Amino acid sequence: MYYIHQVERHVFIVTYGCRPVSDVDPVLSHEHKAIGLFAQSEVDGLTMPDGYRRSIRTWFERTG
């Protein structure tokens, strides 16, 4: 859980990690504005709330 000050809400983050199994590019759904594949070393340079970043780091640590 982490707190978003702009909207005064606590947020519970569930991280779904995946790894590509082919050279086929991911497909963007209508629910999102952008899509990308990022290496673990790139996560700290991405613009996102710290809670999401921590969740992604934890996923990488647990899955290797």
N, C-alpha and C. Protein backbone atom coordinates (compact mmCIF):
# COMPACT_ATOMS: atom_id res chain seq x y z
N MET A 1 0.85 -1.18 0.00
CA MET A 1 0.00 0.00 0.00
C MET A 1 0.89 1.24 0.00
N TYR A 2 0.45 2.23 -0.73
CA TYR A 2 1.11 3.53 -0.64
C TYR A 2 0.06 4.61 -0.82
N TYR A 3 0.42 5.79 -0.44
CA TYR A 3 -0.53 6.90 -0.41
C TYR A 3 -0.27 7.84 -1.59
N ILE A 4 -1.33 8.22 -2.31
CA ILE A 4 -1.23 9.20 -3.39
C ILE A 4 -1.75 10.53 -2.85
N HIS A 5 -0.85 11.45 -2.63
CA HIS A 5 -1.20 12.73 -2.01
C HIS A 5 -2.14 13.58 -2.88
N GLN A 6 -1.97 13.53 -4.20
CA GLN A 6 -2.77 14.37 -5.08
C GLN A 6 -4.27 14.07 -4.96
N VAL A 7 -4.62 12.83 -4.72
CA VAL A 7 -6.04 12.46 -4.64
C VAL A 7 -6.43 11.98 -3.24
N GLU A 8 -5.49 12.05 -2.30
CA GLU A 8 -5.73 11.66 -0.91
C GLU A 8 -6.32 10.26 -0.80
N ARG A 9 -5.62 9.30 -1.39
CA ARG A 9 -6.07 7.91 -1.39
C ARG A 9 -4.91 6.96 -1.14
N HIS A 10 -5.19 5.86 -0.46
CA HIS A 10 -4.25 4.75 -0.37
C HIS A 10 -4.50 3.83 -1.55
N VAL A 11 -3.43 3.27 -2.11
CA VAL A 11 -3.54 2.41 -3.28
C VAL A 11 -2.85 1.09 -2.99
N PHE A 12 -3.50 -0.01 -3.37
CA PHE A 12 -2.92 -1.34 -3.27
C PHE A 12 -2.47 -1.74 -4.67
N ILE A 13 -1.19 -2.05 -4.81
CA ILE A 13 -0.64 -2.37 -6.12
C ILE A 13 -0.47 -3.88 -6.26
N VAL A 14 -0.98 -4.43 -7.34
CA VAL A 14 -0.75 -5.82 -7.69
C VAL A 14 0.09 -5.82 -8.96
N THR A 15 1.26 -6.41 -8.89
CA THR A 15 2.15 -6.43 -10.04
C THR A 15 2.03 -7.75 -10.77
N TYR A 16 1.75 -7.67 -12.05
CA TYR A 16 1.73 -8.83 -12.92
C TYR A 16 2.94 -8.71 -13.83
N GLY A 17 3.92 -9.54 -13.59
CA GLY A 17 5.11 -9.51 -14.43
C GLY A 17 5.02 -10.58 -15.50
N CYS A 18 5.69 -10.33 -16.59
CA CYS A 18 5.75 -11.33 -17.66
C CYS A 18 7.05 -11.16 -18.42
N ARG A 19 7.39 -12.19 -19.12
CA ARG A 19 8.59 -12.16 -19.97
C ARG A 19 8.17 -12.57 -21.37
N PRO A 20 8.67 -11.87 -22.38
CA PRO A 20 8.31 -12.24 -23.76
C PRO A 20 8.88 -13.61 -24.11
N VAL A 21 8.11 -14.38 -24.87
CA VAL A 21 8.57 -15.71 -25.29
C VAL A 21 8.76 -15.78 -26.81
N SER A 22 8.59 -14.65 -27.48
CA SER A 22 8.80 -14.60 -28.93
C SER A 22 9.24 -13.19 -29.30
N ASP A 23 9.48 -13.00 -30.58
CA ASP A 23 9.88 -11.67 -31.07
C ASP A 23 8.69 -10.82 -31.48
N VAL A 24 7.48 -11.28 -31.20
CA VAL A 24 6.27 -10.53 -31.55
C VAL A 24 6.13 -9.35 -30.60
N ASP A 25 5.87 -8.17 -31.15
CA ASP A 25 5.71 -6.98 -30.33
C ASP A 25 4.42 -7.05 -29.51
N PRO A 26 4.43 -6.50 -28.28
CA PRO A 26 3.20 -6.45 -27.49
C PRO A 26 2.16 -5.56 -28.16
N VAL A 27 0.89 -5.80 -27.85
CA VAL A 27 -0.21 -5.06 -28.47
C VAL A 27 -0.83 -4.12 -27.44
N LEU A 28 -0.99 -2.87 -27.80
CA LEU A 28 -1.57 -1.85 -26.93
C LEU A 28 -3.10 -1.96 -26.95
N SER A 29 -3.71 -2.02 -25.78
CA SER A 29 -5.17 -2.06 -25.70
C SER A 29 -5.73 -0.63 -25.65
N HIS A 30 -7.02 -0.51 -25.79
CA HIS A 30 -7.68 0.80 -25.74
C HIS A 30 -7.64 1.42 -24.34
N GLU A 31 -7.28 0.62 -23.33
CA GLU A 31 -7.26 1.10 -21.95
C GLU A 31 -5.98 1.85 -21.60
N HIS A 32 -4.99 1.83 -22.47
CA HIS A 32 -3.69 2.40 -22.15
C HIS A 32 -3.24 3.39 -23.22
N LYS A 33 -2.26 4.22 -22.84
CA LYS A 33 -1.73 5.23 -23.75
C LYS A 33 -0.43 4.80 -24.41
N ALA A 34 0.32 3.91 -23.75
CA ALA A 34 1.62 3.49 -24.27
C ALA A 34 1.94 2.09 -23.76
N ILE A 35 2.87 1.44 -24.43
CA ILE A 35 3.30 0.11 -24.03
C ILE A 35 4.80 -0.01 -24.30
N GLY A 36 5.49 -0.81 -23.52
CA GLY A 36 6.91 -0.99 -23.75
C GLY A 36 7.45 -2.18 -22.98
N LEU A 37 8.59 -2.65 -23.40
CA LEU A 37 9.31 -3.71 -22.69
C LEU A 37 10.58 -3.07 -22.14
N PHE A 38 10.85 -3.31 -20.85
CA PHE A 38 11.98 -2.66 -20.20
C PHE A 38 12.80 -3.66 -19.41
N ALA A 39 14.10 -3.50 -19.47
CA ALA A 39 15.01 -4.31 -18.68
C ALA A 39 15.00 -3.82 -17.24
N GLN A 40 15.43 -4.67 -16.33
CA GLN A 40 15.49 -4.31 -14.92
C GLN A 40 16.31 -3.03 -14.72
N SER A 41 17.39 -2.90 -15.45
CA SER A 41 18.27 -1.73 -15.30
C SER A 41 17.61 -0.43 -15.76
N GLU A 42 16.51 -0.50 -16.49
CA GLU A 42 15.84 0.70 -16.99
C GLU A 42 14.73 1.21 -16.07
N VAL A 43 14.31 0.41 -15.11
CA VAL A 43 13.13 0.74 -14.29
C VAL A 43 13.30 2.06 -13.55
N ASP A 44 14.45 2.30 -12.96
CA ASP A 44 14.64 3.53 -12.18
C ASP A 44 14.54 4.79 -13.03
N GLY A 45 14.76 4.69 -14.33
CA GLY A 45 14.68 5.85 -15.21
C GLY A 45 13.29 6.12 -15.77
N LEU A 46 12.33 5.26 -15.46
CA LEU A 46 10.96 5.43 -15.97
C LEU A 46 10.16 6.36 -15.06
N THR A 47 9.27 7.13 -15.65
CA THR A 47 8.42 8.04 -14.89
C THR A 47 7.21 7.29 -14.38
N MET A 48 7.13 7.12 -13.06
CA MET A 48 6.00 6.45 -12.43
C MET A 48 6.06 6.70 -10.93
N PRO A 49 4.97 6.50 -10.22
CA PRO A 49 4.99 6.65 -8.76
C PRO A 49 5.96 5.64 -8.13
N ASP A 50 6.57 6.03 -7.02
CA ASP A 50 7.53 5.16 -6.34
C ASP A 50 6.94 3.81 -5.95
N GLY A 51 5.66 3.78 -5.60
CA GLY A 51 5.03 2.51 -5.22
C GLY A 51 5.05 1.50 -6.34
N TYR A 52 4.81 1.94 -7.56
CA TYR A 52 4.87 1.05 -8.72
C TYR A 52 6.31 0.58 -8.94
N ARG A 53 7.25 1.49 -8.82
CA ARG A 53 8.66 1.15 -9.01
C ARG A 53 9.10 0.10 -7.99
N ARG A 54 8.71 0.27 -6.74
CA ARG A 54 9.05 -0.72 -5.71
C ARG A 54 8.45 -2.08 -6.03
N SER A 55 7.22 -2.07 -6.50
CA SER A 55 6.54 -3.31 -6.84
C SER A 55 7.25 -4.03 -7.99
N ILE A 56 7.68 -3.28 -8.99
CA ILE A 56 8.40 -3.87 -10.12
C ILE A 56 9.76 -4.40 -9.67
N ARG A 57 10.47 -3.64 -8.83
CA ARG A 57 11.77 -4.11 -8.31
C ARG A 57 11.60 -5.42 -7.56
N THR A 58 10.56 -5.49 -6.73
CA THR A 58 10.29 -6.71 -5.97
C THR A 58 10.03 -7.88 -6.90
N TRP A 59 9.28 -7.66 -7.97
CA TRP A 59 9.01 -8.72 -8.94
C TRP A 59 10.31 -9.23 -9.55
N PHE A 60 11.19 -8.32 -9.97
CA PHE A 60 12.47 -8.72 -10.54
C PHE A 60 13.30 -9.50 -9.51
N GLU A 61 13.32 -9.06 -8.26
CA GLU A 61 14.10 -9.75 -7.22
C GLU A 61 13.59 -11.16 -6.99
N ARG A 62 12.28 -11.35 -7.04
CA ARG A 62 11.69 -12.67 -6.77
C ARG A 62 11.78 -13.62 -7.95
N THR A 63 11.85 -13.08 -9.15
CA THR A 63 11.84 -13.95 -10.33
C THR A 63 13.21 -14.11 -10.98
N GLY A 64 14.15 -13.27 -10.57
CA GLY A 64 15.51 -13.40 -11.09
C GLY A 64 15.77 -12.84 -12.42
